[in-house]
Amino acid sequence: MPPQFSPISGAQGFQQSNPCILALASLLGSLKIFKEIGMLPVIRQRSLLLTGHLEKLLRESKYFVPPSEAATKPPSNPCFTIITPTDPESRGAQLSLLFLPVGAGNMVKIFDYLAKHGVTGDEREPDVIRLAPAPLYNTIDDCEAAAKYLNEAFDALTS
């Protein structure tokens, strides 16, 4: 193999061993955004802020049960606990909420309620919803709305 790179001209040069040009174009766009805001330290700092705020709001919910209590005395009324590590350095941006009692079908009802109110989460059968504030576009207000609608969903479930 010669010591110099001799690219094949035109689209044919992208047919083998190279990423798709359309994928590269979208990657370039996202890298420009990252560069504009200061790359990862700024994004991670904002992620910690948003996830920490959401966690605080969720723990203040009357439907929240601490993980240790949920493990030792499983509740019979609809509630949730957070199964993601509490240490911000041991987790990413998402919080995994376990809906109790396990197997009662509450997660699906709450997930649907959240979705109808614009809260985007990720459901994991049978009883987990993952919420992850995205640091590039979510706000503190979005975190507050998510907590508000979660409480409303529980209110509707228990009334």
N, C-alpha and C. Protein backbone atom coordinates (compact mmCIF):
# COMPACT_ATOMS: atom_id res chain seq x y z
N MET A 1 0.85 -1.16 0.00
CA MET A 1 0.00 0.00 0.00
C MET A 1 0.90 1.24 0.00
N PRO A 2 0.65 2.17 -0.89
CA PRO A 2 1.49 3.37 -0.95
C PRO A 2 1.27 4.26 0.27
N PRO A 3 2.26 5.09 0.64
CA PRO A 3 2.17 5.92 1.84
C PRO A 3 1.21 7.11 1.69
N GLN A 4 0.65 7.31 0.51
CA GLN A 4 -0.27 8.43 0.31
C GLN A 4 -1.66 7.91 0.00
N PHE A 5 -2.65 8.68 0.44
CA PHE A 5 -4.05 8.34 0.18
C PHE A 5 -4.46 8.92 -1.17
N SER A 6 -5.02 8.10 -2.01
CA SER A 6 -5.51 8.54 -3.32
C SER A 6 -7.01 8.23 -3.39
N PRO A 7 -7.84 9.21 -3.05
CA PRO A 7 -9.28 8.95 -3.02
C PRO A 7 -9.85 8.75 -4.42
N ILE A 8 -10.87 7.94 -4.49
CA ILE A 8 -11.62 7.76 -5.73
C ILE A 8 -12.56 8.96 -5.83
N SER A 9 -12.59 9.60 -6.95
CA SER A 9 -13.43 10.79 -7.09
C SER A 9 -14.90 10.40 -7.24
N GLY A 10 -15.77 11.30 -6.81
CA GLY A 10 -17.21 11.09 -6.97
C GLY A 10 -17.80 10.19 -5.90
N ALA A 11 -19.07 9.86 -6.09
CA ALA A 11 -19.81 9.05 -5.12
C ALA A 11 -19.27 7.64 -5.00
N GLN A 12 -18.63 7.15 -6.04
CA GLN A 12 -18.10 5.79 -6.02
C GLN A 12 -17.07 5.60 -4.90
N GLY A 13 -16.39 6.66 -4.53
CA GLY A 13 -15.40 6.58 -3.47
C GLY A 13 -16.00 6.30 -2.10
N PHE A 14 -17.30 6.46 -1.95
CA PHE A 14 -17.97 6.22 -0.66
C PHE A 14 -18.64 4.85 -0.59
N GLN A 15 -18.45 4.02 -1.58
CA GLN A 15 -19.12 2.72 -1.61
C GLN A 15 -18.48 1.69 -0.71
N GLN A 16 -17.24 1.80 -0.39
CA GLN A 16 -16.57 0.77 0.37
C GLN A 16 -15.71 1.39 1.47
N SER A 17 -15.86 0.86 2.69
CA SER A 17 -15.03 1.21 3.84
C SER A 17 -15.17 2.65 4.31
N ASN A 18 -16.19 3.32 3.91
CA ASN A 18 -16.41 4.70 4.35
C ASN A 18 -17.85 4.85 4.82
N PRO A 19 -18.06 5.70 5.81
CA PRO A 19 -19.43 5.95 6.24
C PRO A 19 -20.24 6.64 5.14
N CYS A 20 -21.50 6.48 5.22
CA CYS A 20 -22.42 7.11 4.28
C CYS A 20 -22.29 8.64 4.41
N ILE A 21 -22.24 9.34 3.29
CA ILE A 21 -22.07 10.79 3.31
C ILE A 21 -23.24 11.49 4.01
N LEU A 22 -24.43 10.94 3.89
CA LEU A 22 -25.58 11.56 4.57
C LEU A 22 -25.44 11.45 6.09
N ALA A 23 -24.94 10.31 6.55
CA ALA A 23 -24.70 10.15 7.98
C ALA A 23 -23.61 11.11 8.45
N LEU A 24 -22.58 11.28 7.65
CA LEU A 24 -21.50 12.20 8.00
C LEU A 24 -21.99 13.65 8.03
N ALA A 25 -22.88 14.00 7.12
CA ALA A 25 -23.41 15.37 7.09
C ALA A 25 -24.18 15.68 8.37
N SER A 26 -25.00 14.74 8.83
CA SER A 26 -25.74 14.98 10.07
C SER A 26 -24.80 14.98 11.27
N LEU A 27 -23.79 14.14 11.25
CA LEU A 27 -22.81 14.13 12.33
C LEU A 27 -22.07 15.46 12.38
N LEU A 28 -21.69 15.99 11.23
CA LEU A 28 -21.00 17.27 11.18
C LEU A 28 -21.87 18.37 11.80
N GLY A 29 -23.17 18.35 11.48
CA GLY A 29 -24.08 19.34 12.06
C GLY A 29 -24.13 19.26 13.58
N SER A 30 -24.20 18.06 14.13
CA SER A 30 -24.25 17.93 15.59
C SER A 30 -22.91 18.31 16.22
N LEU A 31 -21.81 17.98 15.57
CA LEU A 31 -20.50 18.36 16.11
C LEU A 31 -20.32 19.88 16.13
N LYS A 32 -20.89 20.56 15.15
CA LYS A 32 -20.84 22.03 15.14
C LYS A 32 -21.59 22.61 16.34
N ILE A 33 -22.73 21.99 16.67
CA ILE A 33 -23.49 22.45 17.84
C ILE A 33 -22.69 22.20 19.11
N PHE A 34 -22.10 21.03 19.25
CA PHE A 34 -21.27 20.73 20.42
C PHE A 34 -20.13 21.74 20.55
N LYS A 35 -19.47 22.03 19.45
CA LYS A 35 -18.35 22.98 19.48
C LYS A 35 -18.84 24.37 19.89
N GLU A 36 -19.97 24.77 19.37
CA GLU A 36 -20.53 26.09 19.65
C GLU A 36 -20.81 26.29 21.14
N ILE A 37 -21.27 25.24 21.82
CA ILE A 37 -21.62 25.40 23.24
C ILE A 37 -20.50 25.02 24.19
N GLY A 38 -19.38 24.57 23.69
CA GLY A 38 -18.25 24.29 24.57
C GLY A 38 -17.98 22.82 24.81
N MET A 39 -18.54 21.97 23.99
CA MET A 39 -18.33 20.52 24.05
C MET A 39 -18.82 19.89 25.36
N LEU A 40 -18.25 18.78 25.72
CA LEU A 40 -18.81 17.93 26.76
C LEU A 40 -18.88 18.50 28.17
N PRO A 41 -17.90 19.24 28.66
CA PRO A 41 -18.03 19.73 30.04
C PRO A 41 -19.30 20.57 30.26
N VAL A 42 -19.62 21.42 29.31
CA VAL A 42 -20.81 22.26 29.44
C VAL A 42 -22.08 21.41 29.36
N ILE A 43 -22.08 20.46 28.46
CA ILE A 43 -23.25 19.59 28.31
C ILE A 43 -23.44 18.74 29.56
N ARG A 44 -22.37 18.17 30.08
CA ARG A 44 -22.46 17.34 31.29
C ARG A 44 -22.92 18.17 32.48
N GLN A 45 -22.43 19.39 32.60
CA GLN A 45 -22.84 20.26 33.70
C GLN A 45 -24.34 20.54 33.63
N ARG A 46 -24.82 20.82 32.43
CA ARG A 46 -26.27 21.08 32.27
C ARG A 46 -27.07 19.80 32.51
N SER A 47 -26.55 18.68 32.08
CA SER A 47 -27.21 17.40 32.31
C SER A 47 -27.35 17.12 33.80
N LEU A 48 -26.27 17.36 34.55
CA LEU A 48 -26.31 17.16 36.01
C LEU A 48 -27.36 18.08 36.65
N LEU A 49 -27.42 19.32 36.19
CA LEU A 49 -28.39 20.28 36.72
C LEU A 49 -29.82 19.81 36.47
N LEU A 50 -30.12 19.45 35.22
CA LEU A 50 -31.48 19.05 34.86
C LEU A 50 -31.90 17.74 35.54
N THR A 51 -31.04 16.74 35.48
CA THR A 51 -31.38 15.45 36.09
C THR A 51 -31.50 15.58 37.60
N GLY A 52 -30.62 16.36 38.21
CA GLY A 52 -30.70 16.59 39.66
C GLY A 52 -31.99 17.30 40.05
N HIS A 53 -32.40 18.26 39.24
CA HIS A 53 -33.65 18.98 39.53
C HIS A 53 -34.85 18.04 39.37
N LEU A 54 -34.85 17.26 38.31
CA LEU A 54 -35.96 16.32 38.12
C LEU A 54 -36.00 15.32 39.26
N GLU A 55 -34.86 14.81 39.67
CA GLU A 55 -34.82 13.85 40.79
C GLU A 55 -35.39 14.49 42.06
N LYS A 56 -35.00 15.72 42.34
CA LYS A 56 -35.50 16.43 43.52
C LYS A 56 -37.02 16.54 43.47
N LEU A 57 -37.56 16.94 42.33
CA LEU A 57 -39.01 17.07 42.18
C LEU A 57 -39.72 15.73 42.36
N LEU A 58 -39.15 14.68 41.79
CA LEU A 58 -39.76 13.35 41.91
C LEU A 58 -39.75 12.86 43.35
N ARG A 59 -38.66 13.10 44.05
CA ARG A 59 -38.57 12.67 45.45
C ARG A 59 -39.53 13.44 46.35
N GLU A 60 -39.95 14.62 45.93
CA GLU A 60 -40.92 15.41 46.69
C GLU A 60 -42.36 14.96 46.47
N SER A 61 -42.58 14.10 45.48
CA SER A 61 -43.93 13.63 45.17
C SER A 61 -44.50 12.81 46.32
N LYS A 62 -45.78 12.98 46.58
CA LYS A 62 -46.42 12.17 47.63
C LYS A 62 -46.51 10.70 47.22
N TYR A 63 -46.25 10.41 45.95
CA TYR A 63 -46.31 9.03 45.46
C TYR A 63 -44.93 8.36 45.45
N PHE A 64 -43.89 9.10 45.82
CA PHE A 64 -42.54 8.54 45.84
C PHE A 64 -42.32 7.71 47.10
N VAL A 65 -41.70 6.55 46.93
CA VAL A 65 -41.32 5.69 48.04
C VAL A 65 -39.80 5.47 47.93
N PRO A 66 -39.04 5.72 49.00
CA PRO A 66 -37.60 5.47 48.93
C PRO A 66 -37.30 4.02 48.55
N PRO A 67 -36.24 3.79 47.78
CA PRO A 67 -35.92 2.43 47.33
C PRO A 67 -35.79 1.42 48.47
N SER A 68 -35.20 1.83 49.59
CA SER A 68 -35.03 0.89 50.70
C SER A 68 -36.38 0.47 51.27
N GLU A 69 -37.31 1.40 51.34
CA GLU A 69 -38.66 1.08 51.83
C GLU A 69 -39.41 0.20 50.84
N ALA A 70 -39.26 0.48 49.56
CA ALA A 70 -39.94 -0.32 48.54
C ALA A 70 -39.43 -1.75 48.55
N ALA A 71 -38.16 -1.94 48.85
CA ALA A 71 -37.56 -3.28 48.86
C ALA A 71 -37.95 -4.09 50.08
N THR A 72 -38.11 -3.43 51.23
CA THR A 72 -38.38 -4.16 52.46
C THR A 72 -39.87 -4.33 52.75
N LYS A 73 -40.67 -3.35 52.33
CA LYS A 73 -42.12 -3.43 52.58
C LYS A 73 -42.85 -2.98 51.32
N PRO A 74 -43.03 -3.89 50.38
CA PRO A 74 -43.68 -3.53 49.12
C PRO A 74 -45.06 -2.91 49.36
N PRO A 75 -45.31 -1.72 48.80
CA PRO A 75 -46.58 -1.04 49.02
C PRO A 75 -47.72 -1.68 48.24
N SER A 76 -48.94 -1.49 48.74
CA SER A 76 -50.11 -2.01 48.03
C SER A 76 -50.79 -0.90 47.22
N ASN A 77 -50.55 0.35 47.56
CA ASN A 77 -51.13 1.47 46.82
C ASN A 77 -50.20 1.87 45.67
N PRO A 78 -50.76 2.46 44.59
CA PRO A 78 -49.92 2.90 43.48
C PRO A 78 -48.89 3.94 43.93
N CYS A 79 -47.65 3.71 43.57
CA CYS A 79 -46.55 4.61 43.91
C CYS A 79 -45.38 4.27 43.00
N PHE A 80 -44.26 4.96 43.21
CA PHE A 80 -43.06 4.68 42.43
C PHE A 80 -41.82 4.90 43.28
N THR A 81 -40.73 4.33 42.81
CA THR A 81 -39.43 4.58 43.40
C THR A 81 -38.44 4.82 42.27
N ILE A 82 -37.30 5.36 42.59
CA ILE A 82 -36.26 5.60 41.59
C ILE A 82 -35.19 4.54 41.78
N ILE A 83 -34.94 3.76 40.72
CA ILE A 83 -33.97 2.67 40.82
C ILE A 83 -32.61 3.03 40.23
N THR A 84 -32.48 4.23 39.70
CA THR A 84 -31.20 4.72 39.19
C THR A 84 -30.33 5.12 40.39
N PRO A 85 -29.02 4.93 40.32
CA PRO A 85 -28.17 5.36 41.43
C PRO A 85 -28.37 6.84 41.78
N THR A 86 -28.31 7.16 43.06
CA THR A 86 -28.50 8.54 43.49
C THR A 86 -27.26 9.40 43.25
N ASP A 87 -26.09 8.79 43.20
CA ASP A 87 -24.86 9.53 42.96
C ASP A 87 -24.79 9.96 41.50
N PRO A 88 -24.79 11.27 41.22
CA PRO A 88 -24.76 11.76 39.84
C PRO A 88 -23.57 11.24 39.03
N GLU A 89 -22.47 10.93 39.68
CA GLU A 89 -21.29 10.42 38.96
C GLU A 89 -21.45 8.94 38.58
N SER A 90 -22.49 8.30 39.11
CA SER A 90 -22.73 6.88 38.82
C SER A 90 -23.88 6.66 37.84
N ARG A 91 -24.33 7.76 37.22
CA ARG A 91 -25.44 7.63 36.28
C ARG A 91 -25.26 8.63 35.15
N GLY A 92 -26.07 8.46 34.14
CA GLY A 92 -26.11 9.42 33.05
C GLY A 92 -27.23 10.41 33.29
N ALA A 93 -27.93 10.79 32.23
CA ALA A 93 -28.98 11.80 32.33
C ALA A 93 -30.33 11.21 32.72
N GLN A 94 -30.48 9.92 32.62
CA GLN A 94 -31.82 9.35 32.82
C GLN A 94 -32.07 8.87 34.24
N LEU A 95 -33.34 8.91 34.60
CA LEU A 95 -33.81 8.35 35.87
C LEU A 95 -34.81 7.24 35.55
N SER A 96 -34.61 6.08 36.14
CA SER A 96 -35.53 4.95 35.93
C SER A 96 -36.50 4.89 37.10
N LEU A 97 -37.78 5.00 36.78
CA LEU A 97 -38.83 4.96 37.79
C LEU A 97 -39.49 3.60 37.76
N LEU A 98 -39.51 2.92 38.89
CA LEU A 98 -40.17 1.63 39.03
C LEU A 98 -41.54 1.87 39.64
N PHE A 99 -42.58 1.41 38.96
CA PHE A 99 -43.95 1.63 39.42
C PHE A 99 -44.43 0.43 40.22
N LEU A 100 -44.99 0.75 41.36
CA LEU A 100 -45.42 -0.25 42.32
C LEU A 100 -46.92 -0.15 42.55
N PRO A 101 -47.55 -1.21 42.97
CA PRO A 101 -47.00 -2.55 43.11
C PRO A 101 -46.64 -3.15 41.75
N VAL A 102 -45.58 -3.92 41.75
CA VAL A 102 -45.10 -4.56 40.53
C VAL A 102 -46.20 -5.46 39.97
N GLY A 103 -46.39 -5.36 38.66
CA GLY A 103 -47.37 -6.20 37.99
C GLY A 103 -48.80 -5.69 38.03
N ALA A 104 -49.03 -4.51 38.60
CA ALA A 104 -50.40 -3.97 38.72
C ALA A 104 -50.87 -3.27 37.45
N GLY A 105 -49.97 -3.03 36.51
CA GLY A 105 -50.36 -2.37 35.26
C GLY A 105 -50.38 -0.85 35.34
N ASN A 106 -49.87 -0.30 36.41
CA ASN A 106 -49.89 1.16 36.58
C ASN A 106 -48.95 1.87 35.62
N MET A 107 -47.83 1.26 35.29
CA MET A 107 -46.85 1.92 34.44
C MET A 107 -47.44 2.30 33.09
N VAL A 108 -48.18 1.41 32.47
CA VAL A 108 -48.75 1.67 31.15
C VAL A 108 -49.71 2.85 31.21
N LYS A 109 -50.55 2.90 32.21
CA LYS A 109 -51.52 4.00 32.35
C LYS A 109 -50.80 5.33 32.56
N ILE A 110 -49.77 5.31 33.38
CA ILE A 110 -49.03 6.54 33.66
C ILE A 110 -48.23 6.95 32.43
N PHE A 111 -47.62 6.01 31.75
CA PHE A 111 -46.87 6.30 30.53
C PHE A 111 -47.78 6.96 29.49
N ASP A 112 -48.97 6.41 29.30
CA ASP A 112 -49.92 6.98 28.35
C ASP A 112 -50.33 8.39 28.75
N TYR A 113 -50.55 8.61 30.04
CA TYR A 113 -50.93 9.94 30.52
C TYR A 113 -49.80 10.94 30.25
N LEU A 114 -48.59 10.54 30.57
CA LEU A 114 -47.44 11.43 30.33
C LEU A 114 -47.32 11.76 28.84
N ALA A 115 -47.44 10.75 28.00
CA ALA A 115 -47.31 10.96 26.55
C ALA A 115 -48.38 11.92 26.04
N LYS A 116 -49.61 11.78 26.54
CA LYS A 116 -50.71 12.67 26.12
C LYS A 116 -50.45 14.11 26.53
N HIS A 117 -49.59 14.32 27.51
CA HIS A 117 -49.29 15.67 27.98
C HIS A 117 -47.91 16.14 27.54
N GLY A 118 -47.34 15.48 26.55
CA GLY A 118 -46.09 15.94 25.95
C GLY A 118 -44.82 15.54 26.65
N VAL A 119 -44.91 14.63 27.61
CA VAL A 119 -43.71 14.16 28.30
C VAL A 119 -43.24 12.90 27.59
N THR A 120 -42.03 12.96 27.05
CA THR A 120 -41.49 11.82 26.32
C THR A 120 -40.60 11.00 27.24
N GLY A 121 -40.98 9.78 27.43
CA GLY A 121 -40.20 8.85 28.24
C GLY A 121 -39.95 7.59 27.45
N ASP A 122 -39.38 6.63 28.10
CA ASP A 122 -39.04 5.35 27.49
C ASP A 122 -39.58 4.27 28.43
N GLU A 123 -40.50 3.46 27.94
CA GLU A 123 -41.08 2.44 28.81
C GLU A 123 -40.30 1.14 28.70
N ARG A 124 -40.15 0.50 29.84
CA ARG A 124 -39.49 -0.80 29.92
C ARG A 124 -40.43 -1.74 30.67
N GLU A 125 -40.98 -2.69 29.94
CA GLU A 125 -41.90 -3.64 30.55
C GLU A 125 -41.16 -4.45 31.60
N PRO A 126 -41.79 -4.79 32.70
CA PRO A 126 -43.20 -4.56 32.92
C PRO A 126 -43.52 -3.26 33.66
N ASP A 127 -42.60 -2.65 34.40
CA ASP A 127 -43.01 -1.57 35.30
C ASP A 127 -42.04 -0.40 35.42
N VAL A 128 -41.26 -0.12 34.40
CA VAL A 128 -40.27 0.97 34.49
C VAL A 128 -40.49 1.99 33.38
N ILE A 129 -40.42 3.27 33.76
CA ILE A 129 -40.37 4.37 32.80
C ILE A 129 -39.06 5.09 33.04
N ARG A 130 -38.35 5.36 31.95
CA ARG A 130 -37.11 6.12 32.05
C ARG A 130 -37.37 7.54 31.55
N LEU A 131 -37.01 8.51 32.37
CA LEU A 131 -37.11 9.92 31.99
C LEU A 131 -35.69 10.49 31.92
N ALA A 132 -35.39 11.19 30.85
CA ALA A 132 -34.04 11.72 30.66
C ALA A 132 -34.10 13.12 30.07
N PRO A 133 -33.91 14.14 30.90
CA PRO A 133 -33.86 15.49 30.35
C PRO A 133 -32.64 15.64 29.44
N ALA A 134 -32.88 16.04 28.20
CA ALA A 134 -31.78 16.20 27.24
C ALA A 134 -31.15 17.58 27.40
N PRO A 135 -29.87 17.63 27.73
CA PRO A 135 -29.25 18.91 28.06
C PRO A 135 -29.18 19.92 26.92
N LEU A 136 -29.29 19.47 25.68
CA LEU A 136 -29.22 20.42 24.57
C LEU A 136 -30.54 21.16 24.34
N TYR A 137 -31.66 20.60 24.81
CA TYR A 137 -32.90 21.30 24.52
C TYR A 137 -33.93 21.29 25.64
N ASN A 138 -33.85 20.45 26.64
CA ASN A 138 -34.81 20.50 27.73
C ASN A 138 -34.45 21.61 28.71
N THR A 139 -35.46 22.04 29.47
CA THR A 139 -35.29 23.14 30.42
C THR A 139 -35.76 22.71 31.81
N ILE A 140 -35.51 23.56 32.79
CA ILE A 140 -36.03 23.34 34.14
C ILE A 140 -37.55 23.26 34.09
N ASP A 141 -38.17 24.11 33.28
CA ASP A 141 -39.63 24.08 33.13
C ASP A 141 -40.12 22.72 32.62
N ASP A 142 -39.37 22.11 31.71
CA ASP A 142 -39.73 20.78 31.21
C ASP A 142 -39.68 19.75 32.34
N CYS A 143 -38.68 19.85 33.20
CA CYS A 143 -38.57 18.93 34.34
C CYS A 143 -39.75 19.13 35.28
N GLU A 144 -40.12 20.38 35.52
CA GLU A 144 -41.25 20.66 36.40
C GLU A 144 -42.56 20.16 35.80
N ALA A 145 -42.71 20.30 34.49
CA ALA A 145 -43.91 19.78 33.82
C ALA A 145 -43.97 18.26 33.93
N ALA A 146 -42.84 17.59 33.74
CA ALA A 146 -42.82 16.12 33.84
C ALA A 146 -43.25 15.67 35.22
N ALA A 147 -42.73 16.31 36.27
CA ALA A 147 -43.10 15.95 37.65
C ALA A 147 -44.58 16.26 37.90
N LYS A 148 -45.04 17.37 37.41
CA LYS A 148 -46.45 17.76 37.58
C LYS A 148 -47.37 16.72 36.92
N TYR A 149 -47.07 16.36 35.68
CA TYR A 149 -47.93 15.40 34.98
C TYR A 149 -47.84 13.99 35.57
N LEU A 150 -46.69 13.65 36.12
CA LEU A 150 -46.59 12.36 36.80
C LEU A 150 -47.52 12.34 38.01
N ASN A 151 -47.51 13.41 38.80
CA ASN A 151 -48.41 13.49 39.95
C ASN A 151 -49.87 13.48 39.52
N GLU A 152 -50.19 14.20 38.46
CA GLU A 152 -51.57 14.20 37.94
C GLU A 152 -51.98 12.79 37.49
N ALA A 153 -51.06 12.08 36.86
CA ALA A 153 -51.37 10.72 36.42
C ALA A 153 -51.69 9.82 37.60
N PHE A 154 -50.92 9.95 38.67
CA PHE A 154 -51.20 9.18 39.88
C PHE A 154 -52.53 9.61 40.51
N ASP A 155 -52.78 10.93 40.53
CA ASP A 155 -54.07 11.40 41.06
C ASP A 155 -55.23 10.78 40.32
N ALA A 156 -55.14 10.75 38.97
CA ALA A 156 -56.20 10.16 38.17
C ALA A 156 -56.32 8.65 38.41
N LEU A 157 -55.18 8.03 38.65
CA LEU A 157 -55.17 6.58 38.89
C LEU A 157 -55.80 6.21 40.22
N THR A 158 -55.63 7.06 41.21
CA THR A 158 -56.09 6.74 42.57
C THR A 158 -57.46 7.33 42.90
N SER A 159 -58.02 8.12 41.98
CA SER A 159 -59.33 8.72 42.32
C SER A 159 -60.49 7.87 41.85
